[in-house]
Amino acid sequence: MVTIRLARHGAKKEPFYRIVATDSRKPRDGRFIEILGTWNPVSKDKASAIQFKPERLKHWLSKGATPSETVSRLIKTSGALKAADASA
């Protein structure tokens, strides 16, 4: 089963997350299928803290990938699916 979730990167106390499509059985920071975006929670500029590839996000959701709770919240906050619909 494909899951869309966060993979942690960055330094100690300076987290930086990649939003990835991955097999749900893989470890959090393990191998992934594709990078779908990034999230920097410590960014001072909240507008650029969340970045998605909306067309790829829509692709994986249409294939049946399930987003984690946090990723679902980030998608709603950023309006990434609205951007994908506008470009289509």
PDB file of N, CA and C in Angstrom:
ATOM      1  N   MET A   1       0.842  -1.178   0.000  1.00  0.00           N
ATOM      2  CA  MET A   1       0.000   0.000   0.000  1.00  0.00           C
ATOM      3  C   MET A   1       0.888   1.242   0.000  1.00  0.00           C
ATOM      4  N   VAL A   2       0.594   2.167  -0.871  1.00  0.00           N
ATOM      5  CA  VAL A   2       1.388   3.392  -0.970  1.00  0.00           C
ATOM      6  C   VAL A   2       0.834   4.431  -0.003  1.00  0.00           C
ATOM      7  N   THR A   3       1.731   5.065   0.731  1.00  0.00           N
ATOM      8  CA  THR A   3       1.380   6.098   1.696  1.00  0.00           C
ATOM      9  C   THR A   3       2.123   7.377   1.348  1.00  0.00           C
ATOM     10  N   ILE A   4       1.474   8.507   1.546  1.00  0.00           N
ATOM     11  CA  ILE A   4       2.133   9.804   1.401  1.00  0.00           C
ATOM     12  C   ILE A   4       2.395  10.296   2.810  1.00  0.00           C
ATOM     13  N   ARG A   5       3.671  10.447   3.153  1.00  0.00           N
ATOM     14  CA  ARG A   5       4.023  10.822   4.523  1.00  0.00           C
ATOM     15  C   ARG A   5       5.297  11.653   4.543  1.00  0.00           C
ATOM     16  N   LEU A   6       5.701  12.046   5.759  1.00  0.00           N
ATOM     17  CA  LEU A   6       6.888  12.876   5.948  1.00  0.00           C
ATOM     18  C   LEU A   6       8.114  12.013   6.199  1.00  0.00           C
ATOM     19  N   ALA A   7       9.243  12.413   5.622  1.00  0.00           N
ATOM     20  CA  ALA A   7      10.541  11.795   5.892  1.00  0.00           C
ATOM     21  C   ALA A   7      11.426  12.894   6.472  1.00  0.00           C
ATOM     22  N   ARG A   8      11.939  12.690   7.679  1.00  0.00           N
ATOM     23  CA  ARG A   8      12.685  13.736   8.381  1.00  0.00           C
ATOM     24  C   ARG A   8      14.118  13.828   7.879  1.00  0.00           C
ATOM     25  N   HIS A   9      14.557  15.060   7.670  1.00  0.00           N
ATOM     26  CA  HIS A   9      15.936  15.365   7.312  1.00  0.00           C
ATOM     27  C   HIS A   9      16.342  16.587   8.118  1.00  0.00           C
ATOM     28  N   GLY A  10      17.548  17.074   7.922  1.00  0.00           N
ATOM     29  CA  GLY A  10      18.014  18.242   8.645  1.00  0.00           C
ATOM     30  C   GLY A  10      18.881  17.849   9.825  1.00  0.00           C
ATOM     31  N   ALA A  11      19.212  18.831  10.639  1.00  0.00           N
ATOM     32  CA  ALA A  11      20.089  18.628  11.785  1.00  0.00           C
ATOM     33  C   ALA A  11      19.272  18.491  13.068  1.00  0.00           C
ATOM     34  N   LYS A  12      19.988  18.226  14.147  1.00  0.00           N
ATOM     35  CA  LYS A  12      19.340  18.122  15.445  1.00  0.00           C
ATOM     36  C   LYS A  12      18.670  19.453  15.791  1.00  0.00           C
ATOM     37  N   LYS A  13      17.422  19.408  16.172  1.00  0.00           N
ATOM     38  CA  LYS A  13      16.604  20.563  16.529  1.00  0.00           C
ATOM     39  C   LYS A  13      16.385  21.528  15.366  1.00  0.00           C
ATOM     40  N   GLU A  14      16.697  21.117  14.153  1.00  0.00           N
ATOM     41  CA  GLU A  14      16.444  21.893  12.936  1.00  0.00           C
ATOM     42  C   GLU A  14      15.792  20.972  11.901  1.00  0.00           C
ATOM     43  N   PRO A  15      14.583  20.497  12.162  1.00  0.00           N
ATOM     44  CA  PRO A  15      13.984  19.517  11.256  1.00  0.00           C
ATOM     45  C   PRO A  15      13.585  20.129   9.918  1.00  0.00           C
ATOM     46  N   PHE A  16      13.664  19.316   8.905  1.00  0.00           N
ATOM     47  CA  PHE A  16      13.251  19.645   7.557  1.00  0.00           C
ATOM     48  C   PHE A  16      12.640  18.362   7.005  1.00  0.00           C
ATOM     49  N   TYR A  17      11.460  18.431   6.457  1.00  0.00           N
ATOM     50  CA  TYR A  17      10.764  17.221   6.030  1.00  0.00           C
ATOM     51  C   TYR A  17      10.562  17.190   4.525  1.00  0.00           C
ATOM     52  N   ARG A  18      10.729  16.010   3.955  1.00  0.00           N
ATOM     53  CA  ARG A  18      10.337  15.758   2.575  1.00  0.00           C
ATOM     54  C   ARG A  18       8.985  15.064   2.624  1.00  0.00           C
ATOM     55  N   ILE A  19       8.108  15.449   1.734  1.00  0.00           N
ATOM     56  CA  ILE A  19       6.819  14.782   1.614  1.00  0.00           C
ATOM     57  C   ILE A  19       6.995  13.755   0.501  1.00  0.00           C
ATOM     58  N   VAL A  20       6.879  12.473   0.854  1.00  0.00           N
ATOM     59  CA  VAL A  20       7.223  11.406  -0.083  1.00  0.00           C
ATOM     60  C   VAL A  20       6.082  10.410  -0.248  1.00  0.00           C
ATOM     61  N   ALA A  21       6.063   9.783  -1.413  1.00  0.00           N
ATOM     62  CA  ALA A  21       5.202   8.628  -1.654  1.00  0.00           C
ATOM     63  C   ALA A  21       6.073   7.404  -1.420  1.00  0.00           C
ATOM     64  N   THR A  22       5.628   6.520  -0.526  1.00  0.00           N
ATOM     65  CA  THR A  22       6.439   5.367  -0.158  1.00  0.00           C
ATOM     66  C   THR A  22       5.560   4.169   0.174  1.00  0.00           C
ATOM     67  N   ASP A  23       6.169   3.006   0.179  1.00  0.00           N
ATOM     68  CA  ASP A  23       5.486   1.796   0.621  1.00  0.00           C
ATOM     69  C   ASP A  23       5.289   1.919   2.135  1.00  0.00           C
ATOM     70  N   SER A  24       4.103   1.607   2.615  1.00  0.00           N
ATOM     71  CA  SER A  24       3.801   1.797   4.037  1.00  0.00           C
ATOM     72  C   SER A  24       4.639   0.911   4.950  1.00  0.00           C
ATOM     73  N   ARG A  25       5.263  -0.141   4.412  1.00  0.00           N
ATOM     74  CA  ARG A  25       6.073  -1.041   5.236  1.00  0.00           C
ATOM     75  C   ARG A  25       7.515  -0.565   5.401  1.00  0.00           C
ATOM     76  N   LYS A  26       7.915   0.443   4.647  1.00  0.00           N
ATOM     77  CA  LYS A  26       9.288   0.950   4.719  1.00  0.00           C
ATOM     78  C   LYS A  26       9.469   1.836   5.952  1.00  0.00           C
ATOM     79  N   PRO A  27      10.712   1.976   6.448  1.00  0.00           N
ATOM     80  CA  PRO A  27      10.960   2.870   7.583  1.00  0.00           C
ATOM     81  C   PRO A  27      10.679   4.331   7.224  1.00  0.00           C
ATOM     82  N   ARG A  28      10.508   5.151   8.230  1.00  0.00           N
ATOM     83  CA  ARG A  28      10.171   6.562   8.035  1.00  0.00           C
ATOM     84  C   ARG A  28      11.132   7.266   7.090  1.00  0.00           C
ATOM     85  N   ASP A  29      12.422   7.069   7.283  1.00  0.00           N
ATOM     86  CA  ASP A  29      13.422   7.741   6.459  1.00  0.00           C
ATOM     87  C   ASP A  29      14.043   6.802   5.429  1.00  0.00           C
ATOM     88  N   GLY A  30      13.385   5.679   5.163  1.00  0.00           N
ATOM     89  CA  GLY A  30      13.914   4.684   4.236  1.00  0.00           C
ATOM     90  C   GLY A  30      13.674   5.058   2.782  1.00  0.00           C
ATOM     91  N   ARG A  31      13.768   4.041   1.930  1.00  0.00           N
ATOM     92  CA  ARG A  31      13.586   4.261   0.498  1.00  0.00           C
ATOM     93  C   ARG A  31      12.167   4.730   0.214  1.00  0.00           C
ATOM     94  N   PHE A  32      12.049   5.565  -0.800  1.00  0.00           N
ATOM     95  CA  PHE A  32      10.746   6.088  -1.181  1.00  0.00           C
ATOM     96  C   PHE A  32      10.592   5.982  -2.688  1.00  0.00           C
ATOM     97  N   ILE A  33       9.376   6.169  -3.157  1.00  0.00           N
ATOM     98  CA  ILE A  33       9.091   6.083  -4.581  1.00  0.00           C
ATOM     99  C   ILE A  33       9.356   7.425  -5.254  1.00  0.00           C
ATOM    100  N   GLU A  34       8.847   8.504  -4.641  1.00  0.00           N
ATOM    101  CA  GLU A  34       8.963   9.821  -5.258  1.00  0.00           C
ATOM    102  C   GLU A  34       8.839  10.914  -4.201  1.00  0.00           C
ATOM    103  N   ILE A  35       9.577  12.011  -4.394  1.00  0.00           N
ATOM    104  CA  ILE A  35       9.443  13.190  -3.535  1.00  0.00           C
ATOM    105  C   ILE A  35       8.316  14.047  -4.106  1.00  0.00           C
ATOM    106  N   LEU A  36       7.332  14.355  -3.264  1.00  0.00           N
ATOM    107  CA  LEU A  36       6.176  15.130  -3.698  1.00  0.00           C
ATOM    108  C   LEU A  36       6.208  16.567  -3.204  1.00  0.00           C
ATOM    109  N   GLY A  37       7.118  16.884  -2.299  1.00  0.00           N
ATOM    110  CA  GLY A  37       7.206  18.240  -1.788  1.00  0.00           C
ATOM    111  C   GLY A  37       8.107  18.309  -0.577  1.00  0.00           C
ATOM    112  N   THR A  38       8.131  19.491   0.048  1.00  0.00           N
ATOM    113  CA  THR A  38       8.940  19.714   1.244  1.00  0.00           C
ATOM    114  C   THR A  38       8.145  20.537   2.251  1.00  0.00           C
ATOM    115  N   TRP A  39       8.559  20.435   3.501  1.00  0.00           N
ATOM    116  CA  TRP A  39       7.965  21.236   4.581  1.00  0.00           C
ATOM    117  C   TRP A  39       9.065  21.604   5.551  1.00  0.00           C
ATOM    118  N   ASN A  40       9.220  22.906   5.792  1.00  0.00           N
ATOM    119  CA  ASN A  40      10.199  23.405   6.746  1.00  0.00           C
ATOM    120  C   ASN A  40       9.436  24.064   7.898  1.00  0.00           C
ATOM    121  N   PRO A  41       9.206  23.346   9.006  1.00  0.00           N
ATOM    122  CA  PRO A  41       8.389  23.884  10.094  1.00  0.00           C
ATOM    123  C   PRO A  41       9.041  25.025  10.863  1.00  0.00           C
ATOM    124  N   VAL A  42      10.351  25.203  10.756  1.00  0.00           N
ATOM    125  CA  VAL A  42      11.024  26.276  11.489  1.00  0.00           C
ATOM    126  C   VAL A  42      11.256  27.506  10.619  1.00  0.00           C
ATOM    127  N   SER A  43      10.719  27.519   9.411  1.00  0.00           N
ATOM    128  CA  SER A  43      10.886  28.644   8.501  1.00  0.00           C
ATOM    129  C   SER A  43      10.168  29.874   9.040  1.00  0.00           C
ATOM    130  N   LYS A  44      10.808  31.008   8.932  1.00  0.00           N
ATOM    131  CA  LYS A  44      10.183  32.259   9.370  1.00  0.00           C
ATOM    132  C   LYS A  44       9.137  32.717   8.343  1.00  0.00           C
ATOM    133  N   ASP A  45       9.361  32.383   7.088  1.00  0.00           N
ATOM    134  CA  ASP A  45       8.428  32.725   6.020  1.00  0.00           C
ATOM    135  C   ASP A  45       7.437  31.580   5.846  1.00  0.00           C
ATOM    136  N   LYS A  46       6.267  31.698   6.437  1.00  0.00           N
ATOM    137  CA  LYS A  46       5.289  30.608   6.429  1.00  0.00           C
ATOM    138  C   LYS A  46       4.740  30.333   5.029  1.00  0.00           C
ATOM    139  N   ALA A  47       4.769  31.329   4.139  1.00  0.00           N
ATOM    140  CA  ALA A  47       4.249  31.126   2.788  1.00  0.00           C
ATOM    141  C   ALA A  47       5.087  30.124   2.007  1.00  0.00           C
ATOM    142  N   SER A  48       6.394  30.143   2.200  1.00  0.00           N
ATOM    143  CA  SER A  48       7.263  29.227   1.454  1.00  0.00           C
ATOM    144  C   SER A  48       7.664  28.008   2.276  1.00  0.00           C
ATOM    145  N   ALA A  49       7.088  27.837   3.459  1.00  0.00           N
ATOM    146  CA  ALA A  49       7.450  26.703   4.314  1.00  0.00           C
ATOM    147  C   ALA A  49       6.954  25.382   3.734  1.00  0.00           C
ATOM    148  N   ILE A  50       5.804  25.398   3.059  1.00  0.00           N
ATOM    149  CA  ILE A  50       5.228  24.180   2.475  1.00  0.00           C
ATOM    150  C   ILE A  50       5.271  24.301   0.956  1.00  0.00           C
ATOM    151  N   GLN A  51       5.897  23.326   0.313  1.00  0.00           N
ATOM    152  CA  GLN A  51       5.946  23.310  -1.148  1.00  0.00           C
ATOM    153  C   GLN A  51       5.541  21.923  -1.631  1.00  0.00           C
ATOM    154  N   PHE A  52       4.628  21.885  -2.587  1.00  0.00           N
ATOM    155  CA  PHE A  52       4.153  20.630  -3.161  1.00  0.00           C
ATOM    156  C   PHE A  52       4.377  20.637  -4.665  1.00  0.00           C
ATOM    157  N   LYS A  53       4.385  19.433  -5.246  1.00  0.00           N
ATOM    158  CA  LYS A  53       4.266  19.254  -6.691  1.00  0.00           C
ATOM    159  C   LYS A  53       2.811  18.831  -6.895  1.00  0.00           C
ATOM    160  N   PRO A  54       1.906  19.790  -7.128  1.00  0.00           N
ATOM    161  CA  PRO A  54       0.475  19.478  -7.108  1.00  0.00           C
ATOM    162  C   PRO A  54       0.041  18.416  -8.117  1.00  0.00           C
ATOM    163  N   GLU A  55       0.632  18.427  -9.316  1.00  0.00           N
ATOM    164  CA  GLU A  55       0.209  17.441 -10.314  1.00  0.00           C
ATOM    165  C   GLU A  55       0.611  16.027  -9.904  1.00  0.00           C
ATOM    166  N   ARG A  56       1.778  15.878  -9.278  1.00  0.00           N
ATOM    167  CA  ARG A  56       2.225  14.559  -8.825  1.00  0.00           C
ATOM    168  C   ARG A  56       1.429  14.108  -7.592  1.00  0.00           C
ATOM    169  N   LEU A  57       1.098  15.049  -6.727  1.00  0.00           N
ATOM    170  CA  LEU A  57       0.277  14.737  -5.560  1.00  0.00           C
ATOM    171  C   LEU A  57      -1.089  14.210  -6.008  1.00  0.00           C
ATOM    172  N   LYS A  58      -1.688  14.896  -6.963  1.00  0.00           N
ATOM    173  CA  LYS A  58      -2.989  14.465  -7.480  1.00  0.00           C
ATOM    174  C   LYS A  58      -2.879  13.086  -8.138  1.00  0.00           C
ATOM    175  N   HIS A  59      -1.770  12.846  -8.845  1.00  0.00           N
ATOM    176  CA  HIS A  59      -1.544  11.550  -9.486  1.00  0.00           C
ATOM    177  C   HIS A  59      -1.550  10.426  -8.452  1.00  0.00           C
ATOM    178  N   TRP A  60      -0.784  10.578  -7.376  1.00  0.00           N
ATOM    179  CA  TRP A  60      -0.685   9.508  -6.378  1.00  0.00           C
ATOM    180  C   TRP A  60      -1.988   9.319  -5.616  1.00  0.00           C
ATOM    181  N   LEU A  61      -2.698  10.407  -5.351  1.00  0.00           N
ATOM    182  CA  LEU A  61      -3.988  10.273  -4.677  1.00  0.00           C
ATOM    183  C   LEU A  61      -4.989   9.542  -5.575  1.00  0.00           C
ATOM    184  N   SER A  62      -4.925   9.786  -6.886  1.00  0.00           N
ATOM    185  CA  SER A  62      -5.830   9.089  -7.804  1.00  0.00           C
ATOM    186  C   SER A  62      -5.486   7.607  -7.919  1.00  0.00           C
ATOM    187  N   LYS A  63      -4.233   7.244  -7.657  1.00  0.00           N
ATOM    188  CA  LYS A  63      -3.808   5.842  -7.688  1.00  0.00           C
ATOM    189  C   LYS A  63      -4.160   5.106  -6.398  1.00  0.00           C
ATOM    190  N   GLY A  64      -4.686   5.828  -5.399  1.00  0.00           N
ATOM    191  CA  GLY A  64      -5.114   5.182  -4.162  1.00  0.00           C
ATOM    192  C   GLY A  64      -4.163   5.346  -2.994  1.00  0.00           C
ATOM    193  N   ALA A  65      -3.160   6.207  -3.123  1.00  0.00           N
ATOM    194  CA  ALA A  65      -2.239   6.445  -2.008  1.00  0.00           C
ATOM    195  C   ALA A  65      -2.987   7.149  -0.878  1.00  0.00           C
ATOM    196  N   THR A  66      -2.682   6.773   0.362  1.00  0.00           N
ATOM    197  CA  THR A  66      -3.346   7.382   1.514  1.00  0.00           C
ATOM    198  C   THR A  66      -2.380   8.320   2.227  1.00  0.00           C
ATOM    199  N   PRO A  67      -2.735   9.590   2.378  1.00  0.00           N
ATOM    200  CA  PRO A  67      -1.860  10.519   3.093  1.00  0.00           C
ATOM    201  C   PRO A  67      -1.959  10.318   4.602  1.00  0.00           C
ATOM    202  N   SER A  68      -0.858  10.594   5.297  1.00  0.00           N
ATOM    203  CA  SER A  68      -0.875  10.549   6.761  1.00  0.00           C
ATOM    204  C   SER A  68      -1.710  11.725   7.271  1.00  0.00           C
ATOM    205  N   GLU A  69      -2.022  11.717   8.561  1.00  0.00           N
ATOM    206  CA  GLU A  69      -2.825  12.802   9.134  1.00  0.00           C
ATOM    207  C   GLU A  69      -2.137  14.147   8.964  1.00  0.00           C
ATOM    208  N   THR A  70      -0.828  14.185   9.221  1.00  0.00           N
ATOM    209  CA  THR A  70      -0.085  15.435   9.116  1.00  0.00           C
ATOM    210  C   THR A  70      -0.045  15.923   7.678  1.00  0.00           C
ATOM    211  N   VAL A  71       0.190  15.030   6.746  1.00  0.00           N
ATOM    212  CA  VAL A  71       0.236  15.422   5.336  1.00  0.00           C
ATOM    213  C   VAL A  71      -1.141  15.897   4.882  1.00  0.00           C
ATOM    214  N   SER A  72      -2.204  15.261   5.338  1.00  0.00           N
ATOM    215  CA  SER A  72      -3.561  15.713   5.001  1.00  0.00           C
ATOM    216  C   SER A  72      -3.783  17.145   5.467  1.00  0.00           C
ATOM    217  N   ARG A  73      -3.335  17.431   6.674  1.00  0.00           N
ATOM    218  CA  ARG A  73      -3.471  18.789   7.213  1.00  0.00           C
ATOM    219  C   ARG A  73      -2.657  19.789   6.392  1.00  0.00           C
ATOM    220  N   LEU A  74      -1.440  19.407   5.991  1.00  0.00           N
ATOM    221  CA  LEU A  74      -0.592  20.294   5.189  1.00  0.00           C
ATOM    222  C   LEU A  74      -1.197  20.550   3.810  1.00  0.00           C
ATOM    223  N   ILE A  75      -1.808  19.529   3.223  1.00  0.00           N
ATOM    224  CA  ILE A  75      -2.449  19.693   1.912  1.00  0.00           C
ATOM    225  C   ILE A  75      -3.588  20.698   2.014  1.00  0.00           C
ATOM    226  N   LYS A  76      -4.404  20.571   3.055  1.00  0.00           N
ATOM    227  CA  LYS A  76      -5.522  21.498   3.240  1.00  0.00           C
ATOM    228  C   LYS A  76      -5.024  22.913   3.507  1.00  0.00           C
ATOM    229  N   THR A  77      -3.982  23.042   4.334  1.00  0.00           N
ATOM    230  CA  THR A  77      -3.439  24.354   4.680  1.00  0.00           C
ATOM    231  C   THR A  77      -2.871  25.069   3.461  1.00  0.00           C
ATOM    232  N   SER A  78      -2.134  24.330   2.631  1.00  0.00           N
ATOM    233  CA  SER A  78      -1.464  24.952   1.488  1.00  0.00           C
ATOM    234  C   SER A  78      -2.377  25.125   0.280  1.00  0.00           C
ATOM    235  N   GLY A  79      -3.467  24.384   0.226  1.00  0.00           N
ATOM    236  CA  GLY A  79      -4.347  24.447  -0.937  1.00  0.00           C
ATOM    237  C   GLY A  79      -3.721  23.820  -2.170  1.00  0.00           C
ATOM    238  N   ALA A  80      -2.892  22.806  -1.993  1.00  0.00           N
ATOM    239  CA  ALA A  80      -2.161  22.192  -3.107  1.00  0.00           C
ATOM    240  C   ALA A  80      -3.094  21.533  -4.117  1.00  0.00           C
ATOM    241  N   LEU A  81      -4.179  20.939  -3.664  1.00  0.00           N
ATOM    242  CA  LEU A  81      -5.088  20.278  -4.603  1.00  0.00           C
ATOM    243  C   LEU A  81      -5.857  21.291  -5.438  1.00  0.00           C
ATOM    244  N   LYS A  82      -6.142  22.453  -4.884  1.00  0.00           N
ATOM    245  CA  LYS A  82      -6.796  23.506  -5.660  1.00  0.00           C
ATOM    246  C   LYS A  82      -5.867  23.984  -6.765  1.00  0.00           C
ATOM    247  N   ALA A  83      -4.561  24.059  -6.460  1.00  0.00           N
ATOM    248  CA  ALA A  83      -3.582  24.468  -7.469  1.00  0.00           C
ATOM    249  C   ALA A  83      -3.492  23.433  -8.582  1.00  0.00           C
ATOM    250  N   ALA A  84      -3.600  22.160  -8.235  1.00  0.00           N
ATOM    251  CA  ALA A  84      -3.554  21.096  -9.245  1.00  0.00           C
ATOM    252  C   ALA A  84      -4.787  21.160 -10.143  1.00  0.00           C
ATOM    253  N   ASP A  85      -5.946  21.441  -9.565  1.00  0.00           N
ATOM    254  CA  ASP A  85      -7.168  21.536 -10.358  1.00  0.00           C
ATOM    255  C   ASP A  85      -7.129  22.753 -11.286  1.00  0.00           C
ATOM    256  N   ALA A  86      -6.546  23.848 -10.828  1.00  0.00           N
ATOM    257  CA  ALA A  86      -6.465  25.061 -11.636  1.00  0.00           C
ATOM    258  C   ALA A  86      -5.533  24.876 -12.831  1.00  0.00           C
ATOM    259  N   SER A  87      -4.453  24.112 -12.648  1.00  0.00           N
ATOM    260  CA  SER A  87      -3.497  23.915 -13.740  1.00  0.00           C
ATOM    261  C   SER A  87      -3.967  22.858 -14.726  1.00  0.00           C
ATOM    262  N   ALA A  88      -4.925  22.030 -14.330  1.00  0.00           N
ATOM    263  CA  ALA A  88      -5.398  20.950 -15.220  1.00  0.00           C
ATOM    264  C   ALA A  88      -6.396  21.452 -16.235  1.00  0.00           C
TER     265      ALA A  88
END
